[in-house]
């Protein structure tokens, strides 16, 4: 090797840089234009490699959202039309006009709104929940832990809010089965009154004294609806055992015939007032049963009017109405109850002369 080559190699080799002293600060390396160009090239290459995947994921998510939105709108519209059709169609009982009187307009409206709200909420929850799970699966997110956590949370919420779930489910089935509605007079066991509002969780009742009862649907074990179909007005007339039954029957028939022809009772009575006969025979009285079918909820008014008319007709026909224990025939009702009680004896008083005269004599003493 020549001397020139050795010198050239020695000059081209990097000289060892002096170690920086503690007082010297490190120099900041400024990226050059070539470094920036290389970074941009790498980023563009990465984007070029993954843009098709991003586009596919975005289009899939957009397609899922569009399909879910369209399906939700279609299902909700179909439910709305179905509820409107149910609201317009009122099924009658046995093909008569009686069915139109069983369900009033407010009851049909509230029932249809409640059913429609429940169905629309359930449909929206199912559609949107399924769409959310499909979107998460599109991003390649493992749904197994999420579903397991949701199942555990659902079980915990179900145990904690079991009363709320019970009330809700009872309200849904009550509305679907049309057990009662607004305006009905019902006996729910825990309360009795007129239904003023029907909800999925609570039913409001107006009591006889004006109070409002809030009854949870889950607490109702049995329901007696007094406003469906027809009601029965029954009056028991108690007369003396010595009354003429033919006279009693004819008087009651006359009262029933006259009441059936007068307003507004001719509209409230849905069947002729019938004298059913003797309901019971006691030692000193007889009970005659009078009954009639009336409009739902109007039986009490018919019974009060019927008692009023029967009392006036019996007074005019000299027929005595009795109730409870009666006095024997021919004995005045206001007789002195102490008349048959004997006077107290004078011998019961130890200080009276009669008691002293009747007391035994003391024997003479034999001691001397």
Protein backbone atom coordinates (compact mmCIF):
# COMPACT_ATOMS: atom_id res chain seq x y z
CA UNK A 1 0.00 0.00 0.00
CA UNK A 2 1.37 3.41 -0.96
CA UNK A 3 1.84 6.30 1.38
CA UNK A 4 -0.78 8.35 -0.36
CA UNK A 5 -3.39 5.66 0.17
CA UNK A 6 -2.54 5.42 3.84
CA UNK A 7 -2.83 9.16 4.26
CA UNK A 8 -6.12 9.22 2.37
CA UNK A 9 -7.55 6.51 4.59
CA UNK A 10 -6.41 8.28 7.70
CA UNK A 11 -7.96 11.52 6.58
CA UNK A 12 -11.33 9.95 5.68
CA UNK A 13 -11.71 8.02 8.94
CA UNK A 14 -13.84 9.82 11.53
CA UNK A 15 -11.85 11.32 14.25
CA UNK A 16 -13.02 10.45 17.74
CA UNK A 17 -15.26 13.20 19.00
CA UNK A 18 -14.31 14.66 22.28
CA UNK A 19 -16.55 13.68 25.12
CA UNK A 20 -18.79 16.54 26.13
CA UNK A 21 -18.03 18.14 29.34
CA UNK A 22 -20.69 18.33 32.02
CA UNK A 23 -21.12 22.01 31.37
CA UNK A 24 -21.88 21.51 27.67
CA UNK A 25 -25.53 20.90 26.53
CA UNK A 26 -26.38 18.21 23.94
CA UNK A 27 -26.98 19.49 20.46
CA UNK A 28 -30.56 19.14 19.06
CA UNK A 29 -30.69 17.20 15.83
CA UNK A 30 -32.92 18.95 13.31
CA UNK A 31 -34.62 16.56 10.89
CA UNK A 32 -33.69 17.17 7.39
CA UNK A 33 -35.94 17.38 4.39
CA UNK A 34 -34.94 13.88 3.41
CA UNK A 35 -36.10 12.51 6.81
CA UNK A 36 -39.47 14.23 6.49
CA UNK A 37 -39.85 12.85 3.02
CA UNK A 38 -39.13 9.34 4.24
CA UNK A 39 -41.71 9.66 7.11
CA UNK A 40 -44.38 10.93 4.73
CA UNK A 41 -43.62 8.10 2.36
CA UNK A 42 -43.98 5.52 5.12
CA UNK A 43 -47.29 7.05 6.31
CA UNK A 44 -48.66 7.16 2.79
CA UNK A 45 -47.68 3.57 2.31
CA UNK A 46 -49.42 2.53 5.54
CA UNK A 47 -52.55 4.42 4.56
CA UNK A 48 -52.42 2.91 1.11
CA UNK A 49 -52.20 -0.53 2.62
CA UNK A 50 -55.13 -0.06 5.08
CA UNK A 51 -57.51 2.35 3.34
CA UNK A 52 -59.45 -0.48 1.77
CA UNK A 53 -60.00 -2.07 5.21
CA UNK A 54 -61.16 1.23 6.68
CA UNK A 55 -63.47 1.86 3.78
CA UNK A 56 -64.95 -1.60 4.07
CA UNK A 57 -65.54 -1.17 7.83
CA UNK A 58 -67.08 2.29 7.35
CA UNK A 59 -69.37 1.10 4.59
CA UNK A 60 -70.42 -1.90 6.67
CA UNK A 61 -71.20 0.28 9.70
CA UNK A 62 -73.12 2.74 7.51
CA UNK A 63 -75.08 -0.09 5.91
CA UNK A 64 -75.96 -1.54 9.33
CA UNK A 65 -77.15 1.86 10.60
CA UNK A 66 -79.23 2.51 7.47
CA UNK A 67 -80.85 -0.91 7.57
CA UNK A 68 -81.57 -0.59 11.31
CA UNK A 69 -83.09 2.87 10.89
CA UNK A 70 -85.25 1.82 7.94
CA UNK A 71 -86.37 -1.37 9.68
CA UNK A 72 -87.18 0.55 12.87
CA UNK A 73 -89.28 3.10 10.98
CA UNK A 74 -91.13 0.37 9.07
CA UNK A 75 -91.86 -1.69 12.19
CA UNK A 76 -93.03 1.32 14.19
CA UNK A 77 -95.25 2.45 11.34
CA UNK A 78 -96.74 -1.03 11.01
CA UNK A 79 -97.41 -1.14 14.76
CA UNK A 80 -99.03 2.29 14.64
CA UNK A 81 -101.32 1.26 11.78
CA UNK A 82 -102.22 -1.95 13.58
CA UNK A 83 -103.09 -0.06 16.76
CA UNK A 84 -105.17 2.46 14.82
CA UNK A 85 -107.04 -0.37 13.17
CA UNK A 86 -107.65 -2.00 16.54
CA UNK A 87 -108.86 1.34 17.87
CA UNK A 88 -111.35 1.77 15.03
CA UNK A 89 -112.66 -1.77 15.23
CA UNK A 90 -114.84 -2.51 18.25
CA UNK A 91 -115.88 -6.12 18.51
CA UNK A 92 -119.39 -6.53 19.86
CA UNK A 93 -120.58 -9.29 22.16
CA UNK A 94 -122.75 -11.87 20.35
CA UNK A 95 -123.18 -9.40 17.49
CA UNK A 96 -125.40 -7.05 19.48
CA UNK A 97 -125.05 -3.40 20.42
CA UNK A 98 -124.11 -4.45 23.93
CA UNK A 99 -120.46 -4.71 22.97
CA UNK A 100 -120.30 -1.04 22.04
CA UNK A 101 -121.35 -0.11 25.56
CA UNK A 102 -118.72 -2.24 27.24
CA UNK A 103 -115.71 -0.23 26.07
CA UNK A 104 -115.92 3.55 25.92
CA UNK A 105 -113.84 5.84 23.75
CA UNK A 106 -111.39 6.84 26.47
CA UNK A 107 -110.80 3.23 27.41
CA UNK A 108 -110.09 2.18 23.82
CA UNK A 109 -107.78 5.15 23.30
CA UNK A 110 -105.76 4.55 26.45
CA UNK A 111 -105.55 0.82 25.89
CA UNK A 112 -104.37 1.25 22.30
CA UNK A 113 -101.79 3.84 23.33
CA UNK A 114 -100.40 1.59 26.05
CA UNK A 115 -100.18 -1.44 23.76
CA UNK A 116 -98.61 0.63 20.99
CA UNK A 117 -96.06 2.16 23.33
CA UNK A 118 -95.01 -1.25 24.66
CA UNK A 119 -94.71 -2.81 21.21
CA UNK A 120 -92.79 0.13 19.76
CA UNK A 121 -90.37 0.18 22.70
CA UNK A 122 -89.72 -3.56 22.44
CA UNK A 123 -89.21 -3.36 18.68
CA UNK A 124 -86.82 -0.40 18.96
CA UNK A 125 -84.83 -2.12 21.71
CA UNK A 126 -84.41 -5.32 19.70
CA UNK A 127 -83.50 -3.61 16.44
CA UNK A 128 -81.06 -1.07 17.87
CA UNK A 129 -79.51 -3.61 20.25
CA UNK A 130 -78.88 -6.04 17.39
CA UNK A 131 -77.39 -3.23 15.26
CA UNK A 132 -75.05 -2.19 18.10
CA UNK A 133 -73.78 -5.75 18.50
CA UNK A 134 -73.20 -6.07 14.74
CA UNK A 135 -71.23 -2.81 14.69
CA UNK A 136 -69.03 -3.98 17.56
CA UNK A 137 -68.44 -7.25 15.74
CA UNK A 138 -67.43 -5.27 12.62
CA UNK A 139 -64.61 -3.63 14.58
CA UNK A 140 -63.48 -7.15 15.57
CA UNK A 141 -64.32 -6.63 19.24
CA UNK A 142 -64.77 -9.81 21.23
CA UNK A 143 -68.42 -9.86 22.31
CA UNK A 144 -68.20 -12.85 24.62
CA UNK A 145 -67.09 -10.90 27.73
CA UNK A 146 -69.59 -8.16 26.95
CA UNK A 147 -72.47 -10.59 26.62
CA UNK A 148 -71.41 -12.43 29.75
CA UNK A 149 -71.25 -9.15 31.71
CA UNK A 150 -74.63 -8.11 30.34
CA UNK A 151 -76.10 -11.45 31.40
CA UNK A 152 -74.74 -11.13 34.93
CA UNK A 153 -75.93 -7.52 35.16
CA UNK A 154 -79.36 -8.53 33.88
CA UNK A 155 -79.67 -11.24 36.50
CA UNK A 156 -78.60 -8.82 39.25
CA UNK A 157 -81.05 -6.16 38.07
CA UNK A 158 -83.77 -8.78 37.79
CA UNK A 159 -83.30 -9.86 41.41
CA UNK A 160 -83.04 -6.28 42.67
CA UNK A 161 -86.01 -4.93 40.73
CA UNK A 162 -88.20 -8.03 40.67
CA UNK A 163 -91.19 -6.10 42.04
CA UNK A 164 -90.87 -3.54 39.25
CA UNK A 165 -90.60 -6.27 36.64
CA UNK A 166 -93.60 -8.06 38.14
CA UNK A 167 -95.68 -4.86 38.07
CA UNK A 168 -94.66 -4.16 34.48
CA UNK A 169 -95.42 -7.65 33.19
CA UNK A 170 -98.75 -7.73 35.06
CA UNK A 171 -99.68 -4.37 33.54
CA UNK A 172 -98.80 -5.56 30.03
CA UNK A 173 -100.91 -8.72 30.29
CA UNK A 174 -103.74 -6.81 31.97
CA UNK A 175 -103.88 -4.37 29.06
CA UNK A 176 -103.52 -7.06 26.40
CA UNK A 177 -106.29 -9.15 27.96
CA UNK A 178 -108.50 -6.07 28.51
CA UNK A 179 -109.31 -7.02 32.09
CA UNK A 180 -110.51 -3.50 32.96
CA UNK A 181 -110.23 0.04 31.68
CA UNK A 182 -110.98 3.67 32.41
CA UNK A 183 -114.48 4.13 33.79
CA UNK A 184 -114.89 0.56 35.05
CA UNK A 185 -115.98 -0.14 38.61
CA UNK A 186 -113.68 -2.87 39.88
CA UNK A 187 -112.88 -4.75 43.07
CA UNK A 188 -109.11 -5.33 43.10
CA UNK A 189 -109.02 -6.96 46.53
CA UNK A 190 -106.73 -4.33 48.05
CA UNK A 191 -109.03 -1.49 46.94
CA UNK A 192 -112.41 -0.92 45.32
CA UNK A 193 -113.50 1.97 43.14
CA UNK A 194 -113.73 3.46 39.67
CA UNK A 195 -110.71 3.21 37.39
CA UNK A 196 -109.48 6.69 36.43
CA UNK A 197 -106.09 5.77 34.93
CA UNK A 198 -104.46 2.57 33.74
CA UNK A 199 -100.67 2.34 33.63
CA UNK A 200 -98.11 -0.37 33.05
CA UNK A 201 -97.00 -0.24 36.69
CA UNK A 202 -99.80 1.44 38.70
CA UNK A 203 -103.58 1.62 38.37
CA UNK A 204 -105.47 4.59 39.86
CA UNK A 205 -108.86 4.01 41.47
CA UNK A 206 -111.39 6.55 42.75
CA UNK A 207 -113.01 5.24 45.93
CA UNK A 208 -116.59 5.71 47.05
CA UNK A 209 -115.58 8.53 49.40
CA UNK A 210 -113.54 10.36 46.76
CA UNK A 211 -110.14 9.01 47.76
CA UNK A 212 -107.63 7.94 45.10
CA UNK A 213 -106.02 4.52 45.42
CA UNK A 214 -102.70 3.77 43.74
CA UNK A 215 -102.64 0.01 43.23
CA UNK A 216 -99.52 -1.72 41.91
CA UNK A 217 -100.41 -4.14 39.15
CA UNK A 218 -98.20 -6.84 40.63
CA UNK A 219 -100.15 -6.80 43.92
CA UNK A 220 -103.51 -7.55 42.28
CA UNK A 221 -104.25 -11.26 42.64
CA UNK A 222 -107.87 -11.14 41.56
CA UNK A 223 -110.08 -8.56 39.86
CA UNK A 224 -113.84 -8.28 39.95
CA UNK A 225 -115.07 -6.05 37.12
CA UNK A 226 -118.49 -4.67 37.96
CA UNK A 227 -118.89 -2.75 34.69
CA UNK A 228 -118.69 -5.42 32.00
CA UNK A 229 -121.72 -7.05 30.46
CA UNK A 230 -124.56 -6.22 32.82
CA UNK A 231 -125.25 -5.78 36.50
CA UNK A 232 -127.93 -7.29 38.73
CA UNK A 233 -130.18 -5.23 40.96
CA UNK A 234 -131.64 -7.36 43.75
CA UNK A 235 -134.02 -6.28 46.52
CA UNK A 236 -135.12 -8.47 49.43
CA UNK A 237 -138.55 -7.53 50.81
CA UNK A 238 -139.34 -8.90 54.28
CA UNK A 239 -143.03 -9.09 55.15
CA UNK A 240 -145.02 -10.68 57.98
CA UNK A 241 -145.71 -14.38 57.76
CA UNK A 242 -149.46 -13.70 57.80
CA UNK A 243 -149.48 -11.55 54.65
CA UNK A 244 -151.26 -12.73 51.51
CA UNK A 245 -148.58 -13.83 49.04
CA UNK A 246 -150.82 -13.23 46.02
CA UNK A 247 -151.40 -9.67 47.16
CA UNK A 248 -147.70 -9.16 47.73
CA UNK A 249 -146.85 -10.53 44.28
CA UNK A 250 -149.47 -8.42 42.50
CA UNK A 251 -148.30 -5.27 44.28
CA UNK A 252 -144.67 -5.94 43.35
CA UNK A 253 -145.63 -6.69 39.75
CA UNK A 254 -147.52 -3.41 39.54
CA UNK A 255 -144.51 -1.50 40.89
CA UNK A 256 -142.17 -3.26 38.43
CA UNK A 257 -144.40 -2.62 35.43
CA UNK A 258 -144.81 1.07 36.27
CA UNK A 259 -141.10 1.59 36.88
CA UNK A 260 -140.12 -0.14 33.62
CA UNK A 261 -142.16 2.35 31.60
CA UNK A 262 -140.84 5.55 33.17
CA UNK A 263 -137.71 7.45 32.24
CA UNK A 264 -134.83 7.17 32.87
CA UNK A 265 -135.40 3.74 34.38
CA UNK A 266 -136.57 2.24 31.11
CA UNK A 267 -133.05 2.83 29.73
CA UNK A 268 -131.24 1.57 32.79
CA UNK A 269 -133.29 -1.63 33.02
CA UNK A 270 -132.11 -4.22 30.50
CA UNK A 271 -134.65 -6.84 31.50
CA UNK A 272 -138.08 -6.86 33.14
CA UNK A 273 -138.16 -6.68 36.92
CA UNK A 274 -138.99 -10.18 38.08
CA UNK A 275 -140.48 -11.40 41.36
CA UNK A 276 -138.40 -14.50 41.94
CA UNK A 277 -140.55 -15.72 44.82
CA UNK A 278 -139.84 -16.60 48.43
CA UNK A 279 -136.17 -16.48 49.22
CA UNK A 280 -136.64 -17.67 52.80
CA UNK A 281 -139.45 -18.38 55.29
CA UNK A 282 -138.88 -17.65 58.99
CA UNK A 283 -141.06 -18.15 62.08
CA UNK A 284 -142.52 -14.65 61.97
CA UNK A 285 -141.54 -13.26 58.54
CA UNK A 286 -141.05 -14.08 54.87
CA UNK A 287 -138.44 -12.75 52.41
CA UNK A 288 -139.51 -12.09 48.82
CA UNK A 289 -136.74 -11.63 46.23
CA UNK A 290 -137.05 -9.07 43.40
CA UNK A 291 -134.36 -8.91 40.70
CA UNK A 292 -133.57 -7.26 37.36
CA UNK A 293 -130.67 -6.86 34.94
CA UNK A 294 -129.42 -3.29 34.64
CA UNK A 295 -126.83 -1.25 32.83
CA UNK A 296 -123.31 -1.80 34.25
CA UNK A 297 -122.69 0.37 37.26
CA UNK A 298 -126.35 1.35 37.70
CA UNK A 299 -127.55 -1.45 39.94
CA UNK A 300 -127.34 0.58 43.15
CA UNK A 301 -129.44 3.41 41.71
CA UNK A 302 -132.07 0.94 40.51
CA UNK A 303 -132.16 -0.81 43.88
CA UNK A 304 -132.66 2.45 45.78
CA UNK A 305 -135.50 3.54 43.50
CA UNK A 306 -137.09 0.11 43.65
CA UNK A 307 -137.08 0.08 47.46
CA UNK A 308 -138.61 3.55 47.49
CA UNK A 309 -141.46 2.52 45.21
CA UNK A 310 -142.06 -0.79 47.00
CA UNK A 311 -142.34 0.95 50.37
CA UNK A 312 -144.88 3.46 49.06
CA UNK A 313 -146.90 0.75 47.28
CA UNK A 314 -146.95 -1.49 50.37
CA UNK A 315 -148.08 1.39 52.57
CA UNK A 316 -150.93 2.06 50.13
CA UNK A 317 -151.86 -1.65 50.04
CA UNK A 318 -151.63 -2.00 53.84
CA UNK A 319 -148.81 -4.53 53.64
CA UNK A 320 -146.45 -4.35 56.56
CA UNK A 321 -142.71 -4.54 55.92
CA UNK A 322 -140.79 -5.93 58.88
CA UNK A 323 -137.14 -6.29 59.64
CA UNK A 324 -135.47 -8.23 62.43
CA UNK A 325 -137.39 -9.64 65.43
CA UNK A 326 -141.08 -8.70 65.44
CA UNK A 327 -143.57 -8.48 68.30
CA UNK A 328 -146.21 -11.23 68.63
CA UNK A 329 -149.52 -10.65 66.94
CA UNK A 330 -151.91 -8.45 68.96
CA UNK A 331 -149.34 -7.30 71.53
CA UNK A 332 -148.54 -3.58 71.52
CA UNK A 333 -145.03 -2.79 70.44
CA UNK A 334 -144.43 -0.33 73.30
CA UNK A 335 -145.41 -2.71 76.17
CA UNK A 336 -143.48 -2.30 79.40
CA UNK A 337 -140.74 -4.97 79.41
CA UNK A 338 -140.73 -5.03 83.25
CA UNK A 339 -144.45 -5.71 83.55
CA UNK A 340 -143.96 -9.45 83.89
CA UNK A 341 -141.23 -9.16 86.51
CA UNK A 342 -142.34 -9.79 90.15
CA UNK A 343 -141.71 -7.16 92.79
CA UNK A 344 -138.78 -7.77 95.16
CA UNK A 345 -139.75 -9.59 98.40
CA UNK A 346 -139.65 -7.75 101.72
CA UNK A 347 -137.95 -10.72 103.26
CA UNK A 348 -134.83 -9.93 101.29
CA UNK A 349 -134.29 -6.90 103.55
CA UNK A 350 -132.93 -8.07 106.94
CA UNK A 351 -134.04 -4.84 108.67
CA UNK A 352 -137.74 -5.13 107.78
CA UNK A 353 -140.33 -6.18 110.46
CA UNK A 354 -141.37 -9.14 108.34
CA UNK A 355 -137.80 -10.41 108.23
CA UNK A 356 -137.41 -9.93 112.02
CA UNK A 357 -140.70 -11.76 112.74
CA UNK A 358 -139.65 -14.67 110.56
CA UNK A 359 -136.20 -15.03 112.12
CA UNK A 360 -135.87 -17.99 114.64
CA UNK A 361 -135.93 -17.30 118.40
CA UNK A 362 -132.73 -17.62 120.43
CA UNK A 363 -132.87 -20.68 122.74
CA UNK A 364 -132.67 -19.92 126.52
CA UNK A 365 -129.29 -20.31 128.20
CA UNK A 366 -128.84 -23.41 130.45
CA UNK A 367 -125.87 -22.07 132.42
CA UNK A 368 -126.58 -21.11 136.07
